[in-house]
């Protein structure tokens, strides 16, 4: 059974390998009121999407005068070494986001 057949092809999207685009797509879905889970393959790769997360998703409610929000957006980003490629697969960047208003950070070990 594939993930597409498990949850339905209308609920799972493949996006280009572009972190800004992945998060931006998730923001767009969340603003419509749908639940969005955007996945960045490794936490190390989240930095190109920093602007989308901090300046768009986190501030959407404030900038729209509480008319819209991205509260249903979850950005999943695994962190920690995966046994190889430590240089690009071991960073733990959650502290960059933890101090930003409008963002909640959850870290599971």
PDB file of N, CA and C in Angstrom:
ATOM      1  N   UNK A   1       0.842  -1.177   0.000  1.00  0.00           N
ATOM      2  CA  UNK A   1       0.000   0.000   0.000  1.00  0.00           C
ATOM      3  C   UNK A   1       0.891   1.245   0.000  1.00  0.00           C
ATOM      4  N   UNK A   2       0.608   2.154  -0.879  1.00  0.00           N
ATOM      5  CA  UNK A   2       1.368   3.396  -0.936  1.00  0.00           C
ATOM      6  C   UNK A   2       0.723   4.449  -0.045  1.00  0.00           C
ATOM      7  N   UNK A   3       1.489   5.473   0.282  1.00  0.00           N
ATOM      8  CA  UNK A   3       0.951   6.566   1.091  1.00  0.00           C
ATOM      9  C   UNK A   3      -0.178   7.272   0.348  1.00  0.00           C
ATOM     10  N   UNK A   4      -0.039   7.389  -0.972  1.00  0.00           N
ATOM     11  CA  UNK A   4      -1.086   8.013  -1.776  1.00  0.00           C
ATOM     12  C   UNK A   4      -2.402   7.256  -1.644  1.00  0.00           C
ATOM     13  N   UNK A   5      -2.345   5.930  -1.710  1.00  0.00           N
ATOM     14  CA  UNK A   5      -3.580   5.152  -1.614  1.00  0.00           C
ATOM     15  C   UNK A   5      -4.110   5.113  -0.187  1.00  0.00           C
ATOM     16  N   UNK A   6      -3.235   5.294   0.785  1.00  0.00           N
ATOM     17  CA  UNK A   6      -3.651   5.269   2.189  1.00  0.00           C
ATOM     18  C   UNK A   6      -4.432   6.520   2.575  1.00  0.00           C
ATOM     19  N   UNK A   7      -3.941   7.701   2.210  1.00  0.00           N
ATOM     20  CA  UNK A   7      -4.607   8.950   2.612  1.00  0.00           C
ATOM     21  C   UNK A   7      -5.347   9.625   1.466  1.00  0.00           C
ATOM     22  N   UNK A   8      -5.123   9.200   0.259  1.00  0.00           N
ATOM     23  CA  UNK A   8      -5.807   9.794  -0.886  1.00  0.00           C
ATOM     24  C   UNK A   8      -4.902  10.712  -1.676  1.00  0.00           C
ATOM     25  N   UNK A   9      -4.984  10.610  -2.985  1.00  0.00           N
ATOM     26  CA  UNK A   9      -4.091  11.387  -3.846  1.00  0.00           C
ATOM     27  C   UNK A   9      -4.354  12.882  -3.783  1.00  0.00           C
ATOM     28  N   UNK A  10      -5.512  13.299  -3.313  1.00  0.00           N
ATOM     29  CA  UNK A  10      -5.804  14.726  -3.199  1.00  0.00           C
ATOM     30  C   UNK A  10      -5.223  15.344  -1.938  1.00  0.00           C
ATOM     31  N   UNK A  11      -4.642  14.527  -1.078  1.00  0.00           N
ATOM     32  CA  UNK A  11      -4.103  15.036   0.188  1.00  0.00           C
ATOM     33  C   UNK A  11      -2.588  14.989   0.264  1.00  0.00           C
ATOM     34  N   UNK A  12      -1.934  14.431  -0.720  1.00  0.00           N
ATOM     35  CA  UNK A  12      -0.476  14.313  -0.721  1.00  0.00           C
ATOM     36  C   UNK A  12       0.054  14.932  -2.010  1.00  0.00           C
ATOM     37  N   UNK A  13       1.043  15.804  -1.874  1.00  0.00           N
ATOM     38  CA  UNK A  13       1.601  16.489  -3.041  1.00  0.00           C
ATOM     39  C   UNK A  13       3.108  16.335  -3.055  1.00  0.00           C
ATOM     40  N   UNK A  14       3.654  16.048  -4.194  1.00  0.00           N
ATOM     41  CA  UNK A  14       5.093  16.140  -4.391  1.00  0.00           C
ATOM     42  C   UNK A  14       5.377  17.554  -4.872  1.00  0.00           C
ATOM     43  N   UNK A  15       6.411  18.135  -4.332  1.00  0.00           N
ATOM     44  CA  UNK A  15       6.785  19.495  -4.717  1.00  0.00           C
ATOM     45  C   UNK A  15       8.192  19.468  -5.294  1.00  0.00           C
ATOM     46  N   UNK A  16       8.588  20.523  -5.974  1.00  0.00           N
ATOM     47  CA  UNK A  16       9.989  20.605  -6.403  1.00  0.00           C
ATOM     48  C   UNK A  16      10.905  20.590  -5.181  1.00  0.00           C
ATOM     49  N   UNK A  17      12.129  20.186  -5.374  1.00  0.00           N
ATOM     50  CA  UNK A  17      13.091  20.160  -4.279  1.00  0.00           C
ATOM     51  C   UNK A  17      13.603  21.580  -4.056  1.00  0.00           C
ATOM     52  N   UNK A  18      12.770  22.364  -3.405  1.00  0.00           N
ATOM     53  CA  UNK A  18      13.044  23.777  -3.144  1.00  0.00           C
ATOM     54  C   UNK A  18      12.390  24.098  -1.805  1.00  0.00           C
ATOM     55  N   UNK A  19      13.187  24.253  -0.779  1.00  0.00           N
ATOM     56  CA  UNK A  19      12.652  24.423   0.563  1.00  0.00           C
ATOM     57  C   UNK A  19      11.718  25.623   0.669  1.00  0.00           C
ATOM     58  N   UNK A  20      12.052  26.722   0.001  1.00  0.00           N
ATOM     59  CA  UNK A  20      11.171  27.885   0.018  1.00  0.00           C
ATOM     60  C   UNK A  20       9.813  27.533  -0.578  1.00  0.00           C
ATOM     61  N   UNK A  21       9.827  26.772  -1.652  1.00  0.00           N
ATOM     62  CA  UNK A  21       8.592  26.368  -2.305  1.00  0.00           C
ATOM     63  C   UNK A  21       7.781  25.400  -1.471  1.00  0.00           C
ATOM     64  N   UNK A  22       8.444  24.475  -0.812  1.00  0.00           N
ATOM     65  CA  UNK A  22       7.750  23.503   0.035  1.00  0.00           C
ATOM     66  C   UNK A  22       7.015  24.222   1.158  1.00  0.00           C
ATOM     67  N   UNK A  23       7.716  25.116   1.851  1.00  0.00           N
ATOM     68  CA  UNK A  23       7.094  25.854   2.954  1.00  0.00           C
ATOM     69  C   UNK A  23       6.048  26.828   2.417  1.00  0.00           C
ATOM     70  N   UNK A  24       6.338  27.503   1.314  1.00  0.00           N
ATOM     71  CA  UNK A  24       5.372  28.427   0.727  1.00  0.00           C
ATOM     72  C   UNK A  24       4.090  27.729   0.319  1.00  0.00           C
ATOM     73  N   UNK A  25       4.206  26.532  -0.241  1.00  0.00           N
ATOM     74  CA  UNK A  25       3.038  25.738  -0.613  1.00  0.00           C
ATOM     75  C   UNK A  25       2.235  25.380   0.633  1.00  0.00           C
ATOM     76  N   UNK A  26       2.940  24.986   1.706  1.00  0.00           N
ATOM     77  CA  UNK A  26       2.274  24.675   2.968  1.00  0.00           C
ATOM     78  C   UNK A  26       1.552  25.879   3.546  1.00  0.00           C
ATOM     79  N   UNK A  27       2.169  27.051   3.458  1.00  0.00           N
ATOM     80  CA  UNK A  27       1.531  28.278   3.945  1.00  0.00           C
ATOM     81  C   UNK A  27       0.241  28.534   3.173  1.00  0.00           C
ATOM     82  N   UNK A  28       0.307  28.412   1.863  1.00  0.00           N
ATOM     83  CA  UNK A  28      -0.882  28.630   1.041  1.00  0.00           C
ATOM     84  C   UNK A  28      -2.012  27.688   1.388  1.00  0.00           C
ATOM     85  N   UNK A  29      -1.692  26.430   1.629  1.00  0.00           N
ATOM     86  CA  UNK A  29      -2.720  25.462   2.015  1.00  0.00           C
ATOM     87  C   UNK A  29      -3.295  25.814   3.384  1.00  0.00           C
ATOM     88  N   UNK A  30      -2.425  26.157   4.339  1.00  0.00           N
ATOM     89  CA  UNK A  30      -2.876  26.469   5.698  1.00  0.00           C
ATOM     90  C   UNK A  30      -3.761  27.708   5.736  1.00  0.00           C
ATOM     91  N   UNK A  31      -3.455  28.699   4.930  1.00  0.00           N
ATOM     92  CA  UNK A  31      -4.241  29.935   4.921  1.00  0.00           C
ATOM     93  C   UNK A  31      -5.671  29.675   4.452  1.00  0.00           C
ATOM     94  N   UNK A  32      -5.875  28.657   3.629  1.00  0.00           N
ATOM     95  CA  UNK A  32      -7.229  28.331   3.178  1.00  0.00           C
ATOM     96  C   UNK A  32      -8.030  27.608   4.250  1.00  0.00           C
ATOM     97  N   UNK A  33      -7.368  27.253   5.355  1.00  0.00           N
ATOM     98  CA  UNK A  33      -8.050  26.566   6.448  1.00  0.00           C
ATOM     99  C   UNK A  33      -7.786  25.077   6.502  1.00  0.00           C
ATOM    100  N   UNK A  34      -7.080  24.555   5.524  1.00  0.00           N
ATOM    101  CA  UNK A  34      -6.764  23.128   5.515  1.00  0.00           C
ATOM    102  C   UNK A  34      -5.556  22.852   6.407  1.00  0.00           C
ATOM    103  N   UNK A  35      -5.416  21.627   6.833  1.00  0.00           N
ATOM    104  CA  UNK A  35      -4.249  21.224   7.609  1.00  0.00           C
ATOM    105  C   UNK A  35      -3.118  20.896   6.647  1.00  0.00           C
ATOM    106  N   UNK A  36      -1.965  21.498   6.888  1.00  0.00           N
ATOM    107  CA  UNK A  36      -0.818  21.290   6.000  1.00  0.00           C
ATOM    108  C   UNK A  36       0.370  20.781   6.802  1.00  0.00           C
ATOM    109  N   UNK A  37       1.014  19.755   6.294  1.00  0.00           N
ATOM    110  CA  UNK A  37       2.253  19.252   6.881  1.00  0.00           C
ATOM    111  C   UNK A  37       3.304  19.308   5.780  1.00  0.00           C
ATOM    112  N   UNK A  38       4.234  20.234   5.932  1.00  0.00           N
ATOM    113  CA  UNK A  38       5.326  20.375   4.966  1.00  0.00           C
ATOM    114  C   UNK A  38       6.548  19.686   5.556  1.00  0.00           C
ATOM    115  N   UNK A  39       7.216  18.886   4.767  1.00  0.00           N
ATOM    116  CA  UNK A  39       8.393  18.187   5.286  1.00  0.00           C
ATOM    117  C   UNK A  39       9.648  18.634   4.554  1.00  0.00           C
ATOM    118  N   UNK A  40      10.612  19.084   5.348  1.00  0.00           N
ATOM    119  CA  UNK A  40      11.945  19.376   4.851  1.00  0.00           C
ATOM    120  C   UNK A  40      12.768  18.131   5.172  1.00  0.00           C
ATOM    121  N   UNK A  41      13.433  17.572   4.200  1.00  0.00           N
ATOM    122  CA  UNK A  41      14.078  16.264   4.342  1.00  0.00           C
ATOM    123  C   UNK A  41      14.994  16.167   5.554  1.00  0.00           C
ATOM    124  N   UNK A  42      15.820  17.172   5.779  1.00  0.00           N
ATOM    125  CA  UNK A  42      16.687  17.231   6.953  1.00  0.00           C
ATOM    126  C   UNK A  42      16.654  18.653   7.485  1.00  0.00           C
ATOM    127  N   UNK A  43      16.754  18.809   8.800  1.00  0.00           N
ATOM    128  CA  UNK A  43      16.711  20.133   9.409  1.00  0.00           C
ATOM    129  C   UNK A  43      17.797  21.043   8.852  1.00  0.00           C
ATOM    130  N   UNK A  44      18.896  20.481   8.454  1.00  0.00           N
ATOM    131  CA  UNK A  44      19.988  21.274   7.871  1.00  0.00           C
ATOM    132  C   UNK A  44      19.533  22.076   6.654  1.00  0.00           C
ATOM    133  N   UNK A  45      18.536  21.573   5.955  1.00  0.00           N
ATOM    134  CA  UNK A  45      18.087  22.197   4.712  1.00  0.00           C
ATOM    135  C   UNK A  45      17.006  23.254   4.930  1.00  0.00           C
ATOM    136  N   UNK A  46      16.654  23.536   6.170  1.00  0.00           N
ATOM    137  CA  UNK A  46      15.552  24.453   6.438  1.00  0.00           C
ATOM    138  C   UNK A  46      15.936  25.922   6.252  1.00  0.00           C
ATOM    139  N   UNK A  47      17.227  26.215   6.271  1.00  0.00           N
ATOM    140  CA  UNK A  47      17.662  27.614   6.209  1.00  0.00           C
ATOM    141  C   UNK A  47      17.212  28.367   4.954  1.00  0.00           C
ATOM    142  N   UNK A  48      17.186  27.772   3.766  1.00  0.00           N
ATOM    143  CA  UNK A  48      16.660  28.519   2.621  1.00  0.00           C
ATOM    144  C   UNK A  48      15.189  28.924   2.794  1.00  0.00           C
ATOM    145  N   UNK A  49      14.451  28.222   3.645  1.00  0.00           N
ATOM    146  CA  UNK A  49      13.040  28.537   3.887  1.00  0.00           C
ATOM    147  C   UNK A  49      12.850  29.449   5.098  1.00  0.00           C
ATOM    148  N   UNK A  50      13.937  29.914   5.685  1.00  0.00           N
ATOM    149  CA  UNK A  50      13.868  30.743   6.893  1.00  0.00           C
ATOM    150  C   UNK A  50      12.967  31.963   6.682  1.00  0.00           C
ATOM    151  N   UNK A  51      13.109  32.639   5.559  1.00  0.00           N
ATOM    152  CA  UNK A  51      12.286  33.821   5.280  1.00  0.00           C
ATOM    153  C   UNK A  51      10.807  33.465   5.224  1.00  0.00           C
ATOM    154  N   UNK A  52      10.463  32.383   4.555  1.00  0.00           N
ATOM    155  CA  UNK A  52       9.062  31.962   4.468  1.00  0.00           C
ATOM    156  C   UNK A  52       8.495  31.656   5.852  1.00  0.00           C
ATOM    157  N   UNK A  53       9.283  30.992   6.681  1.00  0.00           N
ATOM    158  CA  UNK A  53       8.807  30.588   8.004  1.00  0.00           C
ATOM    159  C   UNK A  53       8.675  31.788   8.932  1.00  0.00           C
ATOM    160  N   UNK A  54       9.733  32.596   9.035  1.00  0.00           N
ATOM    161  CA  UNK A  54       9.778  33.694  10.007  1.00  0.00           C
ATOM    162  C   UNK A  54       8.996  34.921   9.544  1.00  0.00           C
ATOM    163  N   UNK A  55       9.103  35.279   8.276  1.00  0.00           N
ATOM    164  CA  UNK A  55       8.468  36.512   7.805  1.00  0.00           C
ATOM    165  C   UNK A  55       7.106  36.313   7.164  1.00  0.00           C
ATOM    166  N   UNK A  56       6.769  35.111   6.796  1.00  0.00           N
ATOM    167  CA  UNK A  56       5.458  34.862   6.197  1.00  0.00           C
ATOM    168  C   UNK A  56       4.553  34.087   7.158  1.00  0.00           C
ATOM    169  N   UNK A  57       4.886  32.833   7.421  1.00  0.00           N
ATOM    170  CA  UNK A  57       4.013  31.991   8.247  1.00  0.00           C
ATOM    171  C   UNK A  57       3.815  32.553   9.653  1.00  0.00           C
ATOM    172  N   UNK A  58       4.895  32.924  10.311  1.00  0.00           N
ATOM    173  CA  UNK A  58       4.802  33.373  11.700  1.00  0.00           C
ATOM    174  C   UNK A  58       4.041  34.685  11.845  1.00  0.00           C
ATOM    175  N   UNK A  59       4.094  35.532  10.843  1.00  0.00           N
ATOM    176  CA  UNK A  59       3.494  36.866  10.955  1.00  0.00           C
ATOM    177  C   UNK A  59       2.187  37.015  10.188  1.00  0.00           C
ATOM    178  N   UNK A  60       1.711  35.955   9.582  1.00  0.00           N
ATOM    179  CA  UNK A  60       0.524  36.048   8.725  1.00  0.00           C
ATOM    180  C   UNK A  60      -0.682  36.581   9.482  1.00  0.00           C
ATOM    181  N   UNK A  61      -0.920  36.050  10.671  1.00  0.00           N
ATOM    182  CA  UNK A  61      -2.074  36.486  11.466  1.00  0.00           C
ATOM    183  C   UNK A  61      -1.950  37.956  11.843  1.00  0.00           C
ATOM    184  N   UNK A  62      -0.768  38.370  12.249  1.00  0.00           N
ATOM    185  CA  UNK A  62      -0.553  39.764  12.649  1.00  0.00           C
ATOM    186  C   UNK A  62      -0.741  40.709  11.466  1.00  0.00           C
ATOM    187  N   UNK A  63      -0.182  40.337  10.325  1.00  0.00           N
ATOM    188  CA  UNK A  63      -0.250  41.210   9.153  1.00  0.00           C
ATOM    189  C   UNK A  63      -1.641  41.297   8.558  1.00  0.00           C
ATOM    190  N   UNK A  64      -2.461  40.278   8.764  1.00  0.00           N
ATOM    191  CA  UNK A  64      -3.812  40.293   8.194  1.00  0.00           C
ATOM    192  C   UNK A  64      -4.844  40.833   9.177  1.00  0.00           C
ATOM    193  N   UNK A  65      -4.401  41.333  10.314  1.00  0.00           N
ATOM    194  CA  UNK A  65      -5.350  41.846  11.303  1.00  0.00           C
ATOM    195  C   UNK A  65      -6.221  40.747  11.884  1.00  0.00           C
ATOM    196  N   UNK A  66      -5.646  39.569  12.054  1.00  0.00           N
ATOM    197  CA  UNK A  66      -6.329  38.399  12.619  1.00  0.00           C
ATOM    198  C   UNK A  66      -7.423  37.833  11.703  1.00  0.00           C
ATOM    199  N   UNK A  67      -7.374  38.165  10.424  1.00  0.00           N
ATOM    200  CA  UNK A  67      -8.343  37.614   9.479  1.00  0.00           C
ATOM    201  C   UNK A  67      -7.920  36.242   8.968  1.00  0.00           C
ATOM    202  N   UNK A  68      -6.622  36.029   8.838  1.00  0.00           N
ATOM    203  CA  UNK A  68      -6.083  34.767   8.333  1.00  0.00           C
ATOM    204  C   UNK A  68      -4.945  34.319   9.236  1.00  0.00           C
ATOM    205  N   UNK A  69      -4.664  33.032   9.217  1.00  0.00           N
ATOM    206  CA  UNK A  69      -3.507  32.538   9.964  1.00  0.00           C
ATOM    207  C   UNK A  69      -3.000  31.249   9.342  1.00  0.00           C
ATOM    208  N   UNK A  70      -1.840  30.853   9.800  1.00  0.00           N
ATOM    209  CA  UNK A  70      -1.223  29.607   9.335  1.00  0.00           C
ATOM    210  C   UNK A  70      -1.180  28.595  10.467  1.00  0.00           C
ATOM    211  N   UNK A  71      -2.127  28.683  11.381  1.00  0.00           N
ATOM    212  CA  UNK A  71      -2.124  27.825  12.562  1.00  0.00           C
ATOM    213  C   UNK A  71      -2.220  26.346  12.277  1.00  0.00           C
ATOM    214  N   UNK A  72      -2.690  25.990  11.105  1.00  0.00           N
ATOM    215  CA  UNK A  72      -2.804  24.564  10.781  1.00  0.00           C
ATOM    216  C   UNK A  72      -1.594  24.050  10.004  1.00  0.00           C
ATOM    217  N   UNK A  73      -0.513  24.843   9.985  1.00  0.00           N
ATOM    218  CA  UNK A  73       0.707  24.439   9.285  1.00  0.00           C
ATOM    219  C   UNK A  73       1.680  23.774  10.246  1.00  0.00           C
ATOM    220  N   UNK A  74       2.135  22.610   9.894  1.00  0.00           N
ATOM    221  CA  UNK A  74       3.199  21.920  10.618  1.00  0.00           C
ATOM    222  C   UNK A  74       4.359  21.738   9.649  1.00  0.00           C
ATOM    223  N   UNK A  75       5.541  22.102  10.105  1.00  0.00           N
ATOM    224  CA  UNK A  75       6.736  21.876   9.293  1.00  0.00           C
ATOM    225  C   UNK A  75       7.555  20.808  10.000  1.00  0.00           C
ATOM    226  N   UNK A  76       7.656  19.653   9.380  1.00  0.00           N
ATOM    227  CA  UNK A  76       8.398  18.532   9.955  1.00  0.00           C
ATOM    228  C   UNK A  76       9.793  18.540   9.358  1.00  0.00           C
ATOM    229  N   UNK A  77      10.780  18.449  10.247  1.00  0.00           N
ATOM    230  CA  UNK A  77      12.161  18.493   9.778  1.00  0.00           C
ATOM    231  C   UNK A  77      13.045  17.659  10.701  1.00  0.00           C
ATOM    232  N   UNK A  78      13.350  16.429  10.335  1.00  0.00           N
ATOM    233  CA  UNK A  78      14.180  15.569  11.185  1.00  0.00           C
ATOM    234  C   UNK A  78      15.567  16.162  11.404  1.00  0.00           C
ATOM    235  N   UNK A  79      16.112  15.941  12.575  1.00  0.00           N
ATOM    236  CA  UNK A  79      17.444  16.465  12.896  1.00  0.00           C
ATOM    237  C   UNK A  79      18.276  15.383  13.560  1.00  0.00           C
ATOM    238  N   UNK A  80      19.571  15.599  13.597  1.00  0.00           N
ATOM    239  CA  UNK A  80      20.490  14.627  14.193  1.00  0.00           C
ATOM    240  C   UNK A  80      21.139  13.784  13.114  1.00  0.00           C
ATOM    241  N   UNK A  81      22.283  13.274  13.405  1.00  0.00           N
ATOM    242  CA  UNK A  81      23.037  12.495  12.431  1.00  0.00           C
ATOM    243  C   UNK A  81      22.293  11.214  12.063  1.00  0.00           C
ATOM    244  N   UNK A  82      22.301  10.889  10.805  1.00  0.00           N
ATOM    245  CA  UNK A  82      21.634   9.680  10.325  1.00  0.00           C
ATOM    246  C   UNK A  82      22.618   8.540  10.104  1.00  0.00           C
ATOM    247  N   UNK A  83      23.819   8.679  10.631  1.00  0.00           N
ATOM    248  CA  UNK A  83      24.810   7.628  10.489  1.00  0.00           C
ATOM    249  C   UNK A  83      25.802   7.875   9.375  1.00  0.00           C
ATOM    250  N   UNK A  84      25.518   8.845   8.544  1.00  0.00           N
ATOM    251  CA  UNK A  84      26.444   9.213   7.471  1.00  0.00           C
ATOM    252  C   UNK A  84      26.171  10.668   7.094  1.00  0.00           C
ATOM    253  N   UNK A  85      27.090  11.292   6.460  1.00  0.00           N
ATOM    254  CA  UNK A  85      26.874  12.663   5.999  1.00  0.00           C
ATOM    255  C   UNK A  85      26.677  13.663   7.115  1.00  0.00           C
ATOM    256  N   UNK A  86      27.414  13.514   8.199  1.00  0.00           N
ATOM    257  CA  UNK A  86      27.194  14.358   9.378  1.00  0.00           C
ATOM    258  C   UNK A  86      27.300  15.845   9.086  1.00  0.00           C
ATOM    259  N   UNK A  87      28.119  16.215   8.145  1.00  0.00           N
ATOM    260  CA  UNK A  87      28.296  17.631   7.846  1.00  0.00           C
ATOM    261  C   UNK A  87      26.981  18.305   7.461  1.00  0.00           C
ATOM    262  N   UNK A  88      26.123  17.611   6.714  1.00  0.00           N
ATOM    263  CA  UNK A  88      24.869  18.201   6.259  1.00  0.00           C
ATOM    264  C   UNK A  88      23.627  17.502   6.802  1.00  0.00           C
ATOM    265  N   UNK A  89      23.785  16.637   7.770  1.00  0.00           N
ATOM    266  CA  UNK A  89      22.631  15.918   8.287  1.00  0.00           C
ATOM    267  C   UNK A  89      22.606  15.856   9.806  1.00  0.00           C
ATOM    268  N   UNK A  90      23.274  16.770  10.477  1.00  0.00           N
ATOM    269  CA  UNK A  90      23.342  16.665  11.935  1.00  0.00           C
ATOM    270  C   UNK A  90      23.026  17.962  12.666  1.00  0.00           C
ATOM    271  N   UNK A  91      22.734  19.037  11.958  1.00  0.00           N
ATOM    272  CA  UNK A  91      22.461  20.298  12.637  1.00  0.00           C
ATOM    273  C   UNK A  91      21.116  20.249  13.353  1.00  0.00           C
ATOM    274  N   UNK A  92      20.996  21.074  14.368  1.00  0.00           N
ATOM    275  CA  UNK A  92      19.779  21.151  15.162  1.00  0.00           C
ATOM    276  C   UNK A  92      19.362  22.623  15.257  1.00  0.00           C
ATOM    277  N   UNK A  93      18.705  23.150  14.226  1.00  0.00           N
ATOM    278  CA  UNK A  93      18.467  24.592  14.121  1.00  0.00           C
ATOM    279  C   UNK A  93      17.220  25.119  14.822  1.00  0.00           C
ATOM    280  N   UNK A  94      16.587  24.317  15.669  1.00  0.00           N
ATOM    281  CA  UNK A  94      15.324  24.770  16.254  1.00  0.00           C
ATOM    282  C   UNK A  94      15.448  26.040  17.088  1.00  0.00           C
ATOM    283  N   UNK A  95      16.622  26.310  17.665  1.00  0.00           N
ATOM    284  CA  UNK A  95      16.797  27.522  18.471  1.00  0.00           C
ATOM    285  C   UNK A  95      16.616  28.789  17.637  1.00  0.00           C
ATOM    286  N   UNK A  96      16.905  28.724  16.347  1.00  0.00           N
ATOM    287  CA  UNK A  96      16.702  29.889  15.483  1.00  0.00           C
ATOM    288  C   UNK A  96      15.224  30.274  15.408  1.00  0.00           C
ATOM    289  N   UNK A  97      14.340  29.295  15.556  1.00  0.00           N
ATOM    290  CA  UNK A  97      12.909  29.539  15.438  1.00  0.00           C
ATOM    291  C   UNK A  97      12.215  29.684  16.792  1.00  0.00           C
ATOM    292  N   UNK A  98      12.805  29.149  17.838  1.00  0.00           N
ATOM    293  CA  UNK A  98      12.161  29.114  19.155  1.00  0.00           C
ATOM    294  C   UNK A  98      11.876  30.498  19.724  1.00  0.00           C
ATOM    295  N   UNK A  99      12.637  31.484  19.338  1.00  0.00           N
ATOM    296  CA  UNK A  99      12.478  32.830  19.893  1.00  0.00           C
ATOM    297  C   UNK A  99      11.660  33.744  18.991  1.00  0.00           C
ATOM    298  N   UNK A 100      11.046  33.197  17.984  1.00  0.00           N
ATOM    299  CA  UNK A 100      10.287  33.987  17.018  1.00  0.00           C
ATOM    300  C   UNK A 100       8.800  33.980  17.383  1.00  0.00           C
ATOM    301  N   UNK A 101       8.200  35.158  17.603  1.00  0.00           N
ATOM    302  CA  UNK A 101       6.763  35.202  17.885  1.00  0.00           C
ATOM    303  C   UNK A 101       5.969  34.581  16.738  1.00  0.00           C
ATOM    304  N   UNK A 102       4.957  33.815  17.079  1.00  0.00           N
ATOM    305  CA  UNK A 102       4.113  33.190  16.073  1.00  0.00           C
ATOM    306  C   UNK A 102       4.532  31.787  15.692  1.00  0.00           C
ATOM    307  N   UNK A 103       5.616  31.299  16.280  1.00  0.00           N
ATOM    308  CA  UNK A 103       6.104  29.951  15.975  1.00  0.00           C
ATOM    309  C   UNK A 103       6.174  29.137  17.256  1.00  0.00           C
ATOM    310  N   UNK A 104       5.710  27.908  17.181  1.00  0.00           N
ATOM    311  CA  UNK A 104       5.862  26.958  18.286  1.00  0.00           C
ATOM    312  C   UNK A 104       6.796  25.860  17.807  1.00  0.00           C
ATOM    313  N   UNK A 105       7.786  25.553  18.619  1.00  0.00           N
ATOM    314  CA  UNK A 105       8.775  24.541  18.258  1.00  0.00           C
ATOM    315  C   UNK A 105       8.595  23.327  19.159  1.00  0.00           C
ATOM    316  N   UNK A 106       8.505  22.153  18.552  1.00  0.00           N
ATOM    317  CA  UNK A 106       8.442  20.896  19.287  1.00  0.00           C
ATOM    318  C   UNK A 106       9.614  20.047  18.833  1.00  0.00           C
ATOM    319  N   UNK A 107      10.330  19.507  19.777  1.00  0.00           N
ATOM    320  CA  UNK A 107      11.480  18.679  19.449  1.00  0.00           C
ATOM    321  C   UNK A 107      11.356  17.360  20.192  1.00  0.00           C
ATOM    322  N   UNK A 108      11.309  16.288  19.453  1.00  0.00           N
ATOM    323  CA  UNK A 108      11.163  14.960  20.037  1.00  0.00           C
ATOM    324  C   UNK A 108      12.475  14.218  19.866  1.00  0.00           C
ATOM    325  N   UNK A 109      12.955  13.619  20.934  1.00  0.00           N
ATOM    326  CA  UNK A 109      14.212  12.876  20.861  1.00  0.00           C
ATOM    327  C   UNK A 109      13.938  11.401  20.777  1.00  0.00           C
TER     328      UNK A 109
END
